[in-house]
Amino acid sequence: MSTGMENTIVVASTDGATAVATKTVATTVAPAKKDGGFSAKPTVGELVEFQATGLLVVFVVLGAITAISALMSWLLKVLLPNQYYGKSKP
């Protein structure tokens, strides 16, 4: 019974011989890299490292947004004090 998830690979050689191999999708997936990234079954340490990295990225972005907002407020106060303090011109 075919599930529709099979690939047929036909390889022809110079001597006329032909090889046919059928592989399922699960067997064609490349194995996980061992020199970087996650392994096929990540350990608790890898998961904690991944979550800590994500949390650090979030805090860095929030800090950058805060810094940009403070800079915009300071520029408005220095360059256009009347608008900053809401005073109308006479």
N, C-alpha and C. Protein backbone atom coordinates (compact mmCIF):
# COMPACT_ATOMS: atom_id res chain seq x y z
N MET A 1 0.84 -1.17 0.00
CA MET A 1 0.00 0.00 0.00
C MET A 1 0.89 1.24 0.00
N SER A 2 0.65 2.14 -0.89
CA SER A 2 1.45 3.36 -1.03
C SER A 2 0.75 4.50 -0.32
N THR A 3 1.53 5.29 0.42
CA THR A 3 0.97 6.43 1.15
C THR A 3 1.07 7.72 0.37
N GLY A 4 1.73 7.69 -0.79
CA GLY A 4 1.93 8.90 -1.57
C GLY A 4 3.11 9.71 -1.09
N MET A 5 3.85 9.20 -0.11
CA MET A 5 4.98 9.90 0.46
C MET A 5 6.29 9.24 0.04
N GLU A 6 6.31 8.57 -1.10
CA GLU A 6 7.50 7.88 -1.54
C GLU A 6 8.10 8.58 -2.74
N ASN A 7 9.41 8.51 -2.87
CA ASN A 7 10.13 9.06 -4.01
C ASN A 7 10.85 7.91 -4.69
N THR A 8 10.80 7.87 -6.00
CA THR A 8 11.53 6.86 -6.75
C THR A 8 12.71 7.53 -7.41
N ILE A 9 13.90 6.96 -7.19
CA ILE A 9 15.13 7.50 -7.74
C ILE A 9 15.65 6.51 -8.78
N VAL A 10 15.85 6.99 -10.00
CA VAL A 10 16.38 6.14 -11.06
C VAL A 10 17.75 6.67 -11.43
N VAL A 11 18.76 5.79 -11.37
CA VAL A 11 20.12 6.17 -11.69
C VAL A 11 20.58 5.34 -12.88
N ALA A 12 21.02 6.01 -13.94
CA ALA A 12 21.50 5.31 -15.13
C ALA A 12 23.01 5.44 -15.19
N SER A 13 23.68 4.38 -15.54
CA SER A 13 25.13 4.41 -15.65
C SER A 13 25.53 4.35 -17.12
N THR A 14 26.82 4.48 -17.38
CA THR A 14 27.31 4.49 -18.76
C THR A 14 27.26 3.12 -19.42
N ASP A 15 27.21 2.04 -18.63
CA ASP A 15 27.18 0.71 -19.22
C ASP A 15 25.76 0.22 -19.48
N GLY A 16 24.78 1.06 -19.26
CA GLY A 16 23.40 0.71 -19.59
C GLY A 16 22.63 0.13 -18.42
N ALA A 17 23.29 -0.15 -17.32
CA ALA A 17 22.59 -0.70 -16.16
C ALA A 17 21.82 0.42 -15.47
N THR A 18 20.67 0.09 -14.97
CA THR A 18 19.83 1.06 -14.30
C THR A 18 19.51 0.57 -12.91
N ALA A 19 19.64 1.44 -11.95
CA ALA A 19 19.30 1.09 -10.58
C ALA A 19 18.08 1.90 -10.16
N VAL A 20 17.14 1.25 -9.52
CA VAL A 20 15.93 1.91 -9.05
C VAL A 20 15.88 1.74 -7.54
N ALA A 21 15.68 2.83 -6.85
CA ALA A 21 15.56 2.78 -5.38
C ALA A 21 14.36 3.60 -4.96
N THR A 22 13.60 3.06 -4.04
CA THR A 22 12.45 3.78 -3.50
C THR A 22 12.75 4.11 -2.06
N LYS A 23 12.59 5.39 -1.72
CA LYS A 23 12.83 5.84 -0.35
C LYS A 23 11.61 6.59 0.13
N THR A 24 11.31 6.43 1.39
CA THR A 24 10.23 7.22 1.97
C THR A 24 10.79 8.58 2.36
N VAL A 25 9.90 9.50 2.66
CA VAL A 25 10.33 10.85 3.04
C VAL A 25 11.17 10.79 4.31
N ALA A 26 10.84 9.90 5.21
CA ALA A 26 11.57 9.82 6.48
C ALA A 26 13.01 9.40 6.27
N THR A 27 13.30 8.59 5.26
CA THR A 27 14.67 8.13 5.05
C THR A 27 15.49 9.11 4.24
N THR A 28 14.87 10.09 3.61
CA THR A 28 15.63 11.05 2.81
C THR A 28 16.01 12.29 3.59
N VAL A 29 15.57 12.41 4.83
CA VAL A 29 15.90 13.56 5.66
C VAL A 29 17.35 13.43 6.10
N ALA A 30 18.10 14.52 5.96
CA ALA A 30 19.51 14.50 6.35
C ALA A 30 19.64 14.41 7.87
N PRO A 31 20.65 13.73 8.36
CA PRO A 31 20.84 13.66 9.81
C PRO A 31 21.22 15.02 10.38
N ALA A 32 20.99 15.19 11.66
CA ALA A 32 21.28 16.46 12.32
C ALA A 32 22.78 16.71 12.35
N LYS A 33 23.15 17.99 12.27
CA LYS A 33 24.56 18.35 12.33
C LYS A 33 25.09 18.15 13.73
N LYS A 34 26.31 17.65 13.83
CA LYS A 34 26.92 17.44 15.14
C LYS A 34 27.80 18.60 15.55
N ASP A 35 28.24 19.44 14.62
CA ASP A 35 29.17 20.51 14.94
C ASP A 35 28.49 21.84 15.28
N GLY A 36 27.21 21.92 15.18
CA GLY A 36 26.51 23.16 15.50
C GLY A 36 25.01 22.96 15.45
N GLY A 37 24.27 23.81 16.08
CA GLY A 37 22.82 23.69 16.09
C GLY A 37 22.36 22.62 17.06
N PHE A 38 21.12 22.22 16.92
CA PHE A 38 20.55 21.21 17.80
C PHE A 38 20.82 19.82 17.28
N SER A 39 20.88 18.89 18.18
CA SER A 39 20.97 17.49 17.79
C SER A 39 19.55 17.00 17.48
N ALA A 40 19.44 15.76 17.04
CA ALA A 40 18.13 15.22 16.70
C ALA A 40 17.22 15.19 17.92
N LYS A 41 17.79 14.88 19.08
CA LYS A 41 17.03 14.90 20.33
C LYS A 41 17.75 15.86 21.27
N PRO A 42 17.33 17.14 21.31
CA PRO A 42 18.04 18.13 22.13
C PRO A 42 17.99 17.78 23.61
N THR A 43 19.08 18.09 24.29
CA THR A 43 19.15 17.87 25.73
C THR A 43 18.52 19.05 26.46
N VAL A 44 18.35 18.89 27.76
CA VAL A 44 17.77 19.96 28.57
C VAL A 44 18.69 21.19 28.51
N GLY A 45 20.00 20.98 28.52
CA GLY A 45 20.94 22.09 28.45
C GLY A 45 20.80 22.88 27.16
N GLU A 46 20.62 22.18 26.03
CA GLU A 46 20.43 22.87 24.75
C GLU A 46 19.13 23.66 24.74
N LEU A 47 18.09 23.09 25.32
CA LEU A 47 16.80 23.80 25.36
C LEU A 47 16.87 25.05 26.24
N VAL A 48 17.55 24.94 27.39
CA VAL A 48 17.71 26.10 28.27
C VAL A 48 18.55 27.17 27.57
N GLU A 49 19.60 26.76 26.87
CA GLU A 49 20.43 27.72 26.14
C GLU A 49 19.60 28.43 25.07
N PHE A 50 18.76 27.69 24.37
CA PHE A 50 17.91 28.28 23.33
C PHE A 50 16.93 29.28 23.93
N GLN A 51 16.32 28.93 25.06
CA GLN A 51 15.37 29.83 25.70
C GLN A 51 16.06 31.07 26.27
N ALA A 52 17.24 30.89 26.84
CA ALA A 52 17.99 32.03 27.37
C ALA A 52 18.41 32.98 26.25
N THR A 53 18.81 32.43 25.12
CA THR A 53 19.17 33.27 23.98
C THR A 53 17.96 34.06 23.49
N GLY A 54 16.82 33.42 23.41
CA GLY A 54 15.60 34.11 22.99
C GLY A 54 15.21 35.21 23.95
N LEU A 55 15.33 34.94 25.25
CA LEU A 55 15.01 35.95 26.26
C LEU A 55 15.97 37.13 26.17
N LEU A 56 17.25 36.85 25.94
CA LEU A 56 18.24 37.91 25.78
C LEU A 56 17.92 38.78 24.57
N VAL A 57 17.52 38.17 23.47
CA VAL A 57 17.16 38.94 22.26
C VAL A 57 15.98 39.85 22.55
N VAL A 58 14.98 39.34 23.26
CA VAL A 58 13.80 40.15 23.59
C VAL A 58 14.21 41.35 24.44
N PHE A 59 15.05 41.13 25.46
CA PHE A 59 15.46 42.23 26.33
C PHE A 59 16.31 43.25 25.57
N VAL A 60 17.15 42.81 24.66
CA VAL A 60 17.96 43.74 23.88
C VAL A 60 17.06 44.61 23.00
N VAL A 61 16.07 44.00 22.36
CA VAL A 61 15.15 44.78 21.50
C VAL A 61 14.32 45.75 22.34
N LEU A 62 13.84 45.31 23.50
CA LEU A 62 13.08 46.23 24.36
C LEU A 62 13.96 47.38 24.85
N GLY A 63 15.21 47.10 25.18
CA GLY A 63 16.14 48.16 25.57
C GLY A 63 16.39 49.13 24.44
N ALA A 64 16.52 48.62 23.22
CA ALA A 64 16.73 49.50 22.07
C ALA A 64 15.51 50.39 21.83
N ILE A 65 14.32 49.84 21.97
CA ILE A 65 13.10 50.65 21.81
C ILE A 65 13.04 51.73 22.89
N THR A 66 13.40 51.38 24.12
CA THR A 66 13.41 52.36 25.20
C THR A 66 14.42 53.47 24.94
N ALA A 67 15.61 53.09 24.47
CA ALA A 67 16.65 54.08 24.18
C ALA A 67 16.22 55.01 23.05
N ILE A 68 15.61 54.48 22.03
CA ILE A 68 15.15 55.31 20.91
C ILE A 68 14.06 56.27 21.38
N SER A 69 13.14 55.78 22.21
CA SER A 69 12.08 56.66 22.73
C SER A 69 12.66 57.77 23.60
N ALA A 70 13.63 57.44 24.44
CA ALA A 70 14.26 58.46 25.29
C ALA A 70 15.01 59.48 24.44
N LEU A 71 15.70 59.02 23.40
CA LEU A 71 16.41 59.94 22.50
C LEU A 71 15.44 60.86 21.78
N MET A 72 14.33 60.33 21.32
CA MET A 72 13.34 61.17 20.64
C MET A 72 12.76 62.21 21.60
N SER A 73 12.51 61.81 22.84
CA SER A 73 12.00 62.75 23.83
C SER A 73 13.01 63.85 24.12
N TRP A 74 14.27 63.49 24.27
CA TRP A 74 15.32 64.47 24.53
C TRP A 74 15.47 65.43 23.35
N LEU A 75 15.45 64.90 22.12
CA LEU A 75 15.56 65.77 20.94
C LEU A 75 14.39 66.74 20.84
N LEU A 76 13.19 66.26 21.13
CA LEU A 76 12.03 67.14 21.08
C LEU A 76 12.12 68.22 22.15
N LYS A 77 12.60 67.85 23.34
CA LYS A 77 12.75 68.82 24.42
C LYS A 77 13.79 69.88 24.08
N VAL A 78 14.89 69.48 23.42
CA VAL A 78 15.97 70.42 23.11
C VAL A 78 15.62 71.27 21.89
N LEU A 79 15.11 70.65 20.85
CA LEU A 79 14.89 71.36 19.59
C LEU A 79 13.56 72.11 19.54
N LEU A 80 12.53 71.58 20.15
CA LEU A 80 11.20 72.21 20.10
C LEU A 80 10.58 72.22 21.50
N PRO A 81 11.10 73.05 22.41
CA PRO A 81 10.59 73.00 23.79
C PRO A 81 9.12 73.41 23.91
N ASN A 82 8.67 74.31 23.06
CA ASN A 82 7.26 74.73 23.15
C ASN A 82 6.32 73.56 22.86
N GLN A 83 6.65 72.77 21.87
CA GLN A 83 5.81 71.61 21.57
C GLN A 83 5.93 70.54 22.65
N TYR A 84 7.13 70.41 23.23
CA TYR A 84 7.32 69.40 24.25
C TYR A 84 6.50 69.70 25.49
N TYR A 85 6.50 70.97 25.91
CA TYR A 85 5.76 71.35 27.10
C TYR A 85 4.32 71.76 26.80
N GLY A 86 3.93 71.73 25.55
CA GLY A 86 2.55 72.02 25.17
C GLY A 86 2.17 73.48 25.27
N LYS A 87 3.12 74.37 25.11
CA LYS A 87 2.83 75.81 25.17
C LYS A 87 2.49 76.29 23.76
N SER A 88 1.48 77.14 23.69
CA SER A 88 1.11 77.72 22.39
C SER A 88 1.87 79.03 22.19
N LYS A 89 2.12 79.34 20.93
CA LYS A 89 2.80 80.59 20.62
C LYS A 89 1.82 81.75 20.73
N PRO A 90 2.29 82.92 21.22
CA PRO A 90 1.38 84.07 21.35
C PRO A 90 1.00 84.68 20.02
